[in-house]
Amino acid sequence: MSGDNAMNVREKHSALIVDDTAVLRNLEQQMLRKHGFKTILAENGKEAVEFFIAGNTCDIVLMDMEMPVMDGIQATKELRAMGVKSLIFGITASNSKSDIQAFIEAGLDEYIEKPLCNWKLDRMLKRVL
C-alpha cells in the first residue's frame, strides 16, 4: 500500500484506490489529485480492509471488482460489516449482470463501468465535493 508523502494544502478529501492493475491505479490517482484529493493506493481488497482495520479513514473508496487475494465484492462486504461509512464506488469492466448486482448489493454507493474517465469521475465526485 502506498500514497502521497506530503499533503497538498488544497487537498481537502482523501481517496483509497483499490485496483490490482498499476496503470489503472496511477491513472485514477492522477485524476483524483486534479480534484484536490490525497490518495492512498491498495493492490487488492485485503489491503483495503487492512487499511481500515488499522484505524485509517478516507472520504471515498474506488473499488475494482475483479482482483486477486480478495475481490471487490468481498472487500466491500467486509468494509460495510466493519461499519465503514466512506462512499464506495465500484468499478468494473465485467459484463456479467449477476456479478454487477452482487457488487452493488455488497454495499456500493454507486457502480461505474470501466474505463473511468473524467466525466464519470466528475459525476461521481459531485456527491463528495
N, C-alpha and C. Protein backbone atom coordinates (compact mmCIF):
# COMPACT_ATOMS: atom_id res chain seq x y z
N MET A 1 0.86 -1.17 0.00
CA MET A 1 0.00 0.00 0.00
C MET A 1 0.90 1.22 0.00
N SER A 2 0.51 2.23 -0.76
CA SER A 2 1.31 3.45 -0.82
C SER A 2 0.38 4.63 -1.00
N GLY A 3 0.96 5.83 -0.85
CA GLY A 3 0.14 7.02 -1.01
C GLY A 3 1.00 8.25 -1.15
N ASP A 4 0.37 9.39 -1.07
CA ASP A 4 1.08 10.65 -1.17
C ASP A 4 1.93 10.84 0.08
N ASN A 5 3.13 11.35 -0.11
CA ASN A 5 4.00 11.58 1.05
C ASN A 5 3.64 12.84 1.80
N ALA A 6 3.35 13.88 1.09
CA ALA A 6 3.01 15.14 1.74
C ALA A 6 1.64 15.61 1.25
N MET A 7 0.85 16.06 2.19
CA MET A 7 -0.50 16.50 1.82
C MET A 7 -0.44 17.93 1.28
N ASN A 8 -0.96 18.11 0.11
CA ASN A 8 -1.03 19.42 -0.52
C ASN A 8 -2.02 20.27 0.27
N VAL A 9 -1.73 21.54 0.43
CA VAL A 9 -2.60 22.42 1.21
C VAL A 9 -4.03 22.46 0.67
N ARG A 10 -4.18 22.27 -0.65
CA ARG A 10 -5.51 22.30 -1.27
C ARG A 10 -6.28 21.01 -1.04
N GLU A 11 -5.58 19.95 -0.65
CA GLU A 11 -6.24 18.67 -0.51
C GLU A 11 -7.16 18.67 0.70
N LYS A 12 -8.44 18.50 0.43
CA LYS A 12 -9.43 18.52 1.49
C LYS A 12 -10.09 17.17 1.67
N HIS A 13 -9.93 16.30 0.70
CA HIS A 13 -10.57 15.00 0.73
C HIS A 13 -9.52 13.91 0.47
N SER A 14 -9.86 12.71 0.88
CA SER A 14 -8.94 11.60 0.66
C SER A 14 -9.67 10.45 -0.02
N ALA A 15 -8.91 9.68 -0.80
CA ALA A 15 -9.48 8.56 -1.54
C ALA A 15 -8.55 7.36 -1.46
N LEU A 16 -9.15 6.20 -1.25
CA LEU A 16 -8.43 4.94 -1.32
C LEU A 16 -8.74 4.32 -2.68
N ILE A 17 -7.70 4.08 -3.46
CA ILE A 17 -7.85 3.49 -4.79
C ILE A 17 -7.43 2.02 -4.70
N VAL A 18 -8.37 1.12 -4.98
CA VAL A 18 -8.12 -0.31 -4.83
C VAL A 18 -8.24 -0.98 -6.21
N ASP A 19 -7.11 -1.36 -6.78
CA ASP A 19 -7.10 -1.99 -8.10
C ASP A 19 -5.81 -2.78 -8.23
N ASP A 20 -5.88 -3.94 -8.83
CA ASP A 20 -4.69 -4.78 -8.98
C ASP A 20 -3.82 -4.37 -10.17
N THR A 21 -4.28 -3.46 -10.99
CA THR A 21 -3.53 -3.02 -12.16
C THR A 21 -2.87 -1.66 -11.87
N ALA A 22 -1.53 -1.65 -11.85
CA ALA A 22 -0.79 -0.45 -11.50
C ALA A 22 -1.11 0.73 -12.43
N VAL A 23 -1.26 0.47 -13.71
CA VAL A 23 -1.55 1.54 -14.67
C VAL A 23 -2.87 2.22 -14.33
N LEU A 24 -3.89 1.42 -14.00
CA LEU A 24 -5.20 1.99 -13.66
C LEU A 24 -5.15 2.73 -12.32
N ARG A 25 -4.42 2.17 -11.34
CA ARG A 25 -4.27 2.88 -10.05
C ARG A 25 -3.65 4.25 -10.28
N ASN A 26 -2.59 4.30 -11.08
CA ASN A 26 -1.90 5.56 -11.34
C ASN A 26 -2.77 6.55 -12.10
N LEU A 27 -3.53 6.06 -13.07
CA LEU A 27 -4.44 6.92 -13.83
C LEU A 27 -5.51 7.51 -12.92
N GLU A 28 -6.14 6.65 -12.11
CA GLU A 28 -7.17 7.12 -11.18
C GLU A 28 -6.57 8.09 -10.16
N GLN A 29 -5.34 7.81 -9.72
CA GLN A 29 -4.67 8.70 -8.77
C GLN A 29 -4.47 10.09 -9.38
N GLN A 30 -4.01 10.14 -10.63
CA GLN A 30 -3.81 11.43 -11.30
C GLN A 30 -5.12 12.19 -11.43
N MET A 31 -6.18 11.48 -11.80
CA MET A 31 -7.48 12.12 -11.97
C MET A 31 -7.98 12.69 -10.64
N LEU A 32 -7.83 11.94 -9.57
CA LEU A 32 -8.30 12.40 -8.26
C LEU A 32 -7.45 13.55 -7.72
N ARG A 33 -6.16 13.50 -7.96
CA ARG A 33 -5.28 14.59 -7.50
C ARG A 33 -5.67 15.92 -8.15
N LYS A 34 -6.11 15.87 -9.41
CA LYS A 34 -6.54 17.09 -10.09
C LYS A 34 -7.75 17.72 -9.39
N HIS A 35 -8.50 16.89 -8.66
CA HIS A 35 -9.65 17.37 -7.91
C HIS A 35 -9.29 17.68 -6.45
N GLY A 36 -7.99 17.66 -6.14
CA GLY A 36 -7.54 18.01 -4.81
C GLY A 36 -7.60 16.89 -3.79
N PHE A 37 -7.62 15.65 -4.23
CA PHE A 37 -7.68 14.52 -3.30
C PHE A 37 -6.29 14.04 -2.92
N LYS A 38 -6.14 13.71 -1.66
CA LYS A 38 -4.99 12.94 -1.20
C LYS A 38 -5.35 11.50 -1.53
N THR A 39 -4.42 10.73 -2.08
CA THR A 39 -4.74 9.37 -2.49
C THR A 39 -3.88 8.34 -1.76
N ILE A 40 -4.49 7.22 -1.50
CA ILE A 40 -3.82 6.06 -0.93
C ILE A 40 -4.10 4.92 -1.91
N LEU A 41 -3.09 4.08 -2.15
CA LEU A 41 -3.23 3.02 -3.14
C LEU A 41 -3.19 1.65 -2.47
N ALA A 42 -4.06 0.75 -2.95
CA ALA A 42 -4.07 -0.63 -2.50
C ALA A 42 -4.18 -1.53 -3.71
N GLU A 43 -3.52 -2.69 -3.67
CA GLU A 43 -3.48 -3.60 -4.82
C GLU A 43 -4.58 -4.64 -4.80
N ASN A 44 -5.30 -4.78 -3.69
CA ASN A 44 -6.37 -5.77 -3.61
C ASN A 44 -7.29 -5.44 -2.44
N GLY A 45 -8.40 -6.16 -2.36
CA GLY A 45 -9.38 -5.89 -1.32
C GLY A 45 -8.87 -6.13 0.08
N LYS A 46 -7.98 -7.10 0.25
CA LYS A 46 -7.41 -7.37 1.57
C LYS A 46 -6.66 -6.16 2.09
N GLU A 47 -5.88 -5.52 1.23
CA GLU A 47 -5.16 -4.31 1.64
C GLU A 47 -6.13 -3.19 2.02
N ALA A 48 -7.24 -3.10 1.31
CA ALA A 48 -8.25 -2.09 1.63
C ALA A 48 -8.84 -2.34 3.01
N VAL A 49 -9.18 -3.59 3.29
CA VAL A 49 -9.74 -3.94 4.60
C VAL A 49 -8.71 -3.64 5.69
N GLU A 50 -7.46 -4.01 5.46
CA GLU A 50 -6.39 -3.77 6.44
C GLU A 50 -6.19 -2.28 6.69
N PHE A 51 -6.37 -1.46 5.67
CA PHE A 51 -6.26 0.00 5.80
C PHE A 51 -7.25 0.50 6.86
N PHE A 52 -8.48 0.03 6.80
CA PHE A 52 -9.50 0.47 7.75
C PHE A 52 -9.32 -0.20 9.12
N ILE A 53 -8.89 -1.46 9.13
CA ILE A 53 -8.64 -2.14 10.41
C ILE A 53 -7.57 -1.39 11.21
N ALA A 54 -6.60 -0.81 10.50
CA ALA A 54 -5.52 -0.05 11.13
C ALA A 54 -6.00 1.29 11.70
N GLY A 55 -7.29 1.61 11.49
CA GLY A 55 -7.83 2.84 12.04
C GLY A 55 -7.82 4.02 11.09
N ASN A 56 -7.42 3.79 9.87
CA ASN A 56 -7.40 4.86 8.87
C ASN A 56 -8.81 5.12 8.35
N THR A 57 -9.00 6.30 7.79
CA THR A 57 -10.27 6.65 7.17
C THR A 57 -10.00 7.38 5.86
N CYS A 58 -11.03 7.47 5.04
CA CYS A 58 -10.96 8.26 3.81
C CYS A 58 -12.39 8.62 3.42
N ASP A 59 -12.51 9.58 2.53
CA ASP A 59 -13.83 10.03 2.09
C ASP A 59 -14.47 9.08 1.09
N ILE A 60 -13.65 8.62 0.13
CA ILE A 60 -14.19 7.71 -0.88
C ILE A 60 -13.24 6.54 -1.11
N VAL A 61 -13.81 5.46 -1.57
CA VAL A 61 -13.04 4.28 -1.98
C VAL A 61 -13.43 3.98 -3.43
N LEU A 62 -12.43 3.89 -4.31
CA LEU A 62 -12.65 3.42 -5.68
C LEU A 62 -12.26 1.95 -5.65
N MET A 63 -13.23 1.06 -5.78
CA MET A 63 -13.01 -0.38 -5.59
C MET A 63 -13.20 -1.13 -6.91
N ASP A 64 -12.13 -1.74 -7.39
CA ASP A 64 -12.25 -2.62 -8.56
C ASP A 64 -12.96 -3.90 -8.13
N MET A 65 -13.71 -4.51 -9.02
CA MET A 65 -14.45 -5.72 -8.66
C MET A 65 -13.58 -6.96 -8.73
N GLU A 66 -12.80 -7.11 -9.79
CA GLU A 66 -12.05 -8.34 -10.02
C GLU A 66 -10.58 -8.14 -9.67
N MET A 67 -10.17 -8.76 -8.54
CA MET A 67 -8.79 -8.67 -8.07
C MET A 67 -8.40 -9.99 -7.41
N PRO A 68 -7.09 -10.29 -7.42
CA PRO A 68 -6.64 -11.48 -6.70
C PRO A 68 -6.64 -11.22 -5.18
N VAL A 69 -6.39 -12.22 -4.40
CA VAL A 69 -6.32 -12.19 -2.93
C VAL A 69 -7.71 -11.99 -2.34
N MET A 70 -8.31 -10.82 -2.54
CA MET A 70 -9.69 -10.56 -2.13
C MET A 70 -10.32 -9.63 -3.15
N ASP A 71 -11.43 -10.06 -3.75
CA ASP A 71 -12.06 -9.25 -4.78
C ASP A 71 -12.86 -8.09 -4.17
N GLY A 72 -13.33 -7.23 -5.02
CA GLY A 72 -14.04 -6.04 -4.59
C GLY A 72 -15.37 -6.33 -3.91
N ILE A 73 -16.04 -7.40 -4.32
CA ILE A 73 -17.32 -7.76 -3.70
C ILE A 73 -17.10 -8.13 -2.24
N GLN A 74 -16.15 -9.04 -1.99
CA GLN A 74 -15.87 -9.48 -0.62
C GLN A 74 -15.34 -8.33 0.23
N ALA A 75 -14.45 -7.53 -0.34
CA ALA A 75 -13.89 -6.40 0.41
C ALA A 75 -14.97 -5.39 0.79
N THR A 76 -15.87 -5.11 -0.13
CA THR A 76 -16.96 -4.17 0.14
C THR A 76 -17.86 -4.71 1.25
N LYS A 77 -18.19 -6.00 1.18
CA LYS A 77 -18.99 -6.62 2.24
C LYS A 77 -18.31 -6.49 3.60
N GLU A 78 -17.01 -6.76 3.63
CA GLU A 78 -16.28 -6.68 4.90
C GLU A 78 -16.21 -5.25 5.42
N LEU A 79 -15.98 -4.30 4.52
CA LEU A 79 -15.92 -2.89 4.96
C LEU A 79 -17.25 -2.45 5.54
N ARG A 80 -18.34 -2.80 4.89
CA ARG A 80 -19.67 -2.42 5.40
C ARG A 80 -19.96 -3.13 6.72
N ALA A 81 -19.55 -4.39 6.85
CA ALA A 81 -19.76 -5.13 8.11
C ALA A 81 -18.95 -4.50 9.25
N MET A 82 -17.83 -3.87 8.91
CA MET A 82 -17.00 -3.19 9.91
C MET A 82 -17.56 -1.82 10.27
N GLY A 83 -18.57 -1.38 9.54
CA GLY A 83 -19.15 -0.07 9.81
C GLY A 83 -18.52 1.08 9.06
N VAL A 84 -17.74 0.78 8.02
CA VAL A 84 -17.10 1.83 7.23
C VAL A 84 -18.17 2.65 6.53
N LYS A 85 -18.13 3.96 6.72
CA LYS A 85 -19.14 4.88 6.16
C LYS A 85 -18.67 5.60 4.90
N SER A 86 -17.42 5.41 4.50
CA SER A 86 -16.90 6.06 3.30
C SER A 86 -17.79 5.70 2.11
N LEU A 87 -17.87 6.61 1.16
CA LEU A 87 -18.57 6.29 -0.09
C LEU A 87 -17.72 5.27 -0.83
N ILE A 88 -18.34 4.18 -1.26
CA ILE A 88 -17.61 3.17 -2.02
C ILE A 88 -18.18 3.13 -3.44
N PHE A 89 -17.30 3.43 -4.40
CA PHE A 89 -17.66 3.41 -5.80
C PHE A 89 -17.03 2.19 -6.44
N GLY A 90 -17.85 1.26 -6.90
CA GLY A 90 -17.37 0.05 -7.52
C GLY A 90 -17.10 0.27 -8.99
N ILE A 91 -15.96 -0.21 -9.44
CA ILE A 91 -15.56 -0.02 -10.83
C ILE A 91 -15.25 -1.38 -11.43
N THR A 92 -15.82 -1.67 -12.59
CA THR A 92 -15.55 -2.94 -13.24
C THR A 92 -15.76 -2.86 -14.74
N ALA A 93 -15.07 -3.75 -15.44
CA ALA A 93 -15.26 -3.90 -16.89
C ALA A 93 -16.13 -5.12 -17.17
N SER A 94 -16.57 -5.80 -16.12
CA SER A 94 -17.38 -7.01 -16.28
C SER A 94 -18.72 -6.70 -16.93
N ASN A 95 -19.17 -7.65 -17.76
CA ASN A 95 -20.48 -7.53 -18.39
C ASN A 95 -21.51 -8.43 -17.71
N SER A 96 -21.07 -9.17 -16.71
CA SER A 96 -21.95 -10.11 -16.02
C SER A 96 -22.93 -9.37 -15.12
N LYS A 97 -24.21 -9.40 -15.50
CA LYS A 97 -25.23 -8.70 -14.71
C LYS A 97 -25.32 -9.24 -13.30
N SER A 98 -25.14 -10.55 -13.13
CA SER A 98 -25.23 -11.13 -11.79
C SER A 98 -24.04 -10.70 -10.92
N ASP A 99 -22.84 -10.61 -11.51
CA ASP A 99 -21.68 -10.14 -10.76
C ASP A 99 -21.84 -8.66 -10.37
N ILE A 100 -22.30 -7.86 -11.30
CA ILE A 100 -22.51 -6.43 -11.02
C ILE A 100 -23.57 -6.26 -9.94
N GLN A 101 -24.65 -7.04 -10.01
CA GLN A 101 -25.70 -6.97 -8.99
C GLN A 101 -25.16 -7.38 -7.62
N ALA A 102 -24.33 -8.42 -7.58
CA ALA A 102 -23.72 -8.85 -6.32
C ALA A 102 -22.81 -7.77 -5.76
N PHE A 103 -22.10 -7.08 -6.65
CA PHE A 103 -21.21 -5.99 -6.24
C PHE A 103 -22.03 -4.85 -5.63
N ILE A 104 -23.09 -4.46 -6.29
CA ILE A 104 -23.97 -3.39 -5.78
C ILE A 104 -24.55 -3.79 -4.43
N GLU A 105 -25.03 -5.03 -4.33
CA GLU A 105 -25.64 -5.49 -3.09
C GLU A 105 -24.65 -5.65 -1.95
N ALA A 106 -23.35 -5.72 -2.27
CA ALA A 106 -22.33 -5.81 -1.23
C ALA A 106 -22.25 -4.53 -0.40
N GLY A 107 -22.77 -3.43 -0.97
CA GLY A 107 -22.78 -2.17 -0.22
C GLY A 107 -22.21 -0.97 -0.95
N LEU A 108 -22.18 -1.04 -2.27
CA LEU A 108 -21.69 0.11 -3.05
C LEU A 108 -22.63 1.31 -2.92
N ASP A 109 -22.04 2.48 -3.01
CA ASP A 109 -22.85 3.70 -3.13
C ASP A 109 -23.17 3.95 -4.58
N GLU A 110 -22.28 3.49 -5.46
CA GLU A 110 -22.51 3.65 -6.89
C GLU A 110 -21.62 2.69 -7.65
N TYR A 111 -22.11 2.24 -8.80
CA TYR A 111 -21.36 1.37 -9.70
C TYR A 111 -20.97 2.19 -10.92
N ILE A 112 -19.71 2.04 -11.35
CA ILE A 112 -19.21 2.76 -12.51
C ILE A 112 -18.56 1.76 -13.46
N GLU A 113 -18.91 1.84 -14.72
CA GLU A 113 -18.34 0.95 -15.73
C GLU A 113 -16.97 1.46 -16.17
N LYS A 114 -15.99 0.55 -16.26
CA LYS A 114 -14.68 0.93 -16.79
C LYS A 114 -14.80 1.18 -18.28
N PRO A 115 -14.00 2.04 -18.83
CA PRO A 115 -12.92 2.74 -18.17
C PRO A 115 -13.44 4.00 -17.45
N LEU A 116 -12.80 4.30 -16.33
CA LEU A 116 -13.13 5.52 -15.60
C LEU A 116 -12.56 6.69 -16.40
N CYS A 117 -13.38 7.66 -16.70
CA CYS A 117 -12.93 8.83 -17.46
C CYS A 117 -13.32 10.08 -16.69
N ASN A 118 -12.87 11.22 -17.16
CA ASN A 118 -13.10 12.46 -16.41
C ASN A 118 -14.57 12.77 -16.18
N TRP A 119 -15.43 12.58 -17.17
CA TRP A 119 -16.84 12.94 -16.96
C TRP A 119 -17.50 11.99 -15.96
N LYS A 120 -17.10 10.71 -15.96
CA LYS A 120 -17.65 9.77 -14.97
C LYS A 120 -17.16 10.14 -13.57
N LEU A 121 -15.88 10.49 -13.48
CA LEU A 121 -15.31 10.90 -12.18
C LEU A 121 -15.97 12.18 -11.68
N ASP A 122 -16.15 13.14 -12.56
CA ASP A 122 -16.81 14.40 -12.18
C ASP A 122 -18.20 14.14 -11.62
N ARG A 123 -18.98 13.30 -12.29
CA ARG A 123 -20.33 12.98 -11.83
C ARG A 123 -20.28 12.33 -10.45
N MET A 124 -19.35 11.42 -10.27
CA MET A 124 -19.20 10.71 -9.01
C MET A 124 -18.80 11.66 -7.88
N LEU A 125 -17.87 12.55 -8.16
CA LEU A 125 -17.34 13.43 -7.12
C LEU A 125 -18.32 14.51 -6.68
N LYS A 126 -19.34 14.77 -7.48
CA LYS A 126 -20.34 15.75 -7.06
C LYS A 126 -21.00 15.33 -5.75
N ARG A 127 -20.97 14.03 -5.44
CA ARG A 127 -21.54 13.54 -4.19
C ARG A 127 -20.66 13.89 -3.00
N VAL A 128 -19.37 14.19 -3.27
CA VAL A 128 -18.41 14.43 -2.20
C VAL A 128 -18.08 15.92 -2.06
N LEU A 129 -17.89 16.59 -3.21
CA LEU A 129 -17.42 17.97 -3.19
C LEU A 129 -18.55 18.98 -2.98
